[in-house]
Amino acid sequence: MIADRAELDASYAGLAARYPEGEQVPVPPHWGGFRVVPASVEFWQGRENRLHDRLRYVAEGGGAWRVERLAP
């Protein structure tokens, strides 16, 4: 558990100084993982009378996203 925001900021500053941007952070030899690259992401916000806001972001390559409004 983290006591407060100051403790979190101090911990981050220490790690940022130890591993500057672009430097590899050491990992155990058994470490593995997955890289998730979304093709689309939908955000949904409920509203009264079931007239929900639904927005879908569709990846278009090169870091660009197209926004689509969907039916409630």
Protein backbone atom coordinates (compact mmCIF):
# COMPACT_ATOMS: atom_id res chain seq x y z
CA MET A 1 0.00 0.00 0.00
CA ILE A 2 1.16 3.54 -0.73
CA ALA A 3 0.75 6.06 2.09
CA ASP A 4 0.15 9.13 -0.06
CA ARG A 5 0.81 10.82 -3.40
CA ALA A 6 4.19 12.15 -2.23
CA GLU A 7 5.43 8.58 -1.64
CA LEU A 8 4.29 7.55 -5.13
CA ASP A 9 5.98 10.59 -6.73
CA ALA A 10 9.23 9.94 -4.83
CA SER A 11 9.25 6.28 -5.89
CA TYR A 12 8.68 7.23 -9.52
CA ALA A 13 11.43 9.88 -9.44
CA GLY A 14 13.90 7.33 -8.05
CA LEU A 15 13.08 4.79 -10.77
CA ALA A 16 13.15 7.45 -13.51
CA ALA A 17 16.66 8.47 -12.39
CA ARG A 18 17.81 4.85 -12.23
CA TYR A 19 16.40 3.93 -15.66
CA PRO A 20 16.37 7.01 -17.95
CA GLU A 21 14.02 7.13 -20.95
CA GLY A 22 15.09 4.65 -23.63
CA GLU A 23 17.22 2.51 -21.30
CA GLN A 24 16.22 -1.15 -20.91
CA VAL A 25 14.80 -2.09 -17.53
CA PRO A 26 16.19 -5.50 -16.45
CA VAL A 27 13.72 -8.38 -16.29
CA PRO A 28 14.01 -11.96 -15.03
CA PRO A 29 15.05 -14.56 -17.63
CA HIS A 30 11.67 -16.30 -17.35
CA TRP A 31 9.75 -13.07 -18.06
CA GLY A 32 7.30 -13.06 -20.92
CA GLY A 33 4.25 -11.19 -22.00
CA PHE A 34 1.84 -10.26 -24.70
CA ARG A 35 1.54 -7.13 -26.76
CA VAL A 36 -2.07 -6.16 -27.35
CA VAL A 37 -2.64 -3.98 -30.41
CA PRO A 38 -6.31 -3.00 -30.62
CA ALA A 39 -8.04 -2.59 -33.96
CA SER A 40 -10.91 -0.77 -32.27
CA VAL A 41 -12.03 0.37 -28.82
CA GLU A 42 -15.56 1.26 -27.74
CA PHE A 43 -16.51 3.63 -24.94
CA TRP A 44 -20.03 3.50 -23.55
CA GLN A 45 -21.76 5.88 -21.13
CA GLY A 46 -25.27 5.14 -19.91
CA ARG A 47 -27.86 7.91 -20.03
CA GLU A 48 -31.52 8.29 -19.16
CA ASN A 49 -34.15 6.71 -21.40
CA ARG A 50 -31.54 4.30 -22.77
CA LEU A 51 -30.14 7.04 -25.05
CA HIS A 52 -26.61 5.92 -24.25
CA ASP A 53 -23.51 7.52 -25.71
CA ARG A 54 -21.44 4.94 -27.61
CA LEU A 55 -18.24 5.93 -29.38
CA ARG A 56 -15.99 3.53 -31.26
CA TYR A 57 -12.39 4.45 -32.07
CA VAL A 58 -11.01 2.54 -35.07
CA ALA A 59 -7.24 2.40 -35.69
CA GLU A 60 -6.32 3.68 -39.14
CA GLY A 61 -2.56 3.20 -38.98
CA GLY A 62 0.20 5.68 -38.33
CA GLY A 63 -1.23 6.43 -34.90
CA ALA A 64 -4.48 7.89 -36.29
CA TRP A 65 -7.92 6.90 -34.98
CA ARG A 66 -11.32 7.37 -36.63
CA VAL A 67 -14.24 8.11 -34.24
CA GLU A 68 -17.66 6.61 -34.96
CA ARG A 69 -20.88 7.31 -33.05
CA LEU A 70 -22.92 4.12 -32.62
CA ALA A 71 -26.64 3.65 -32.06
CA PRO A 72 -27.66 3.37 -28.40
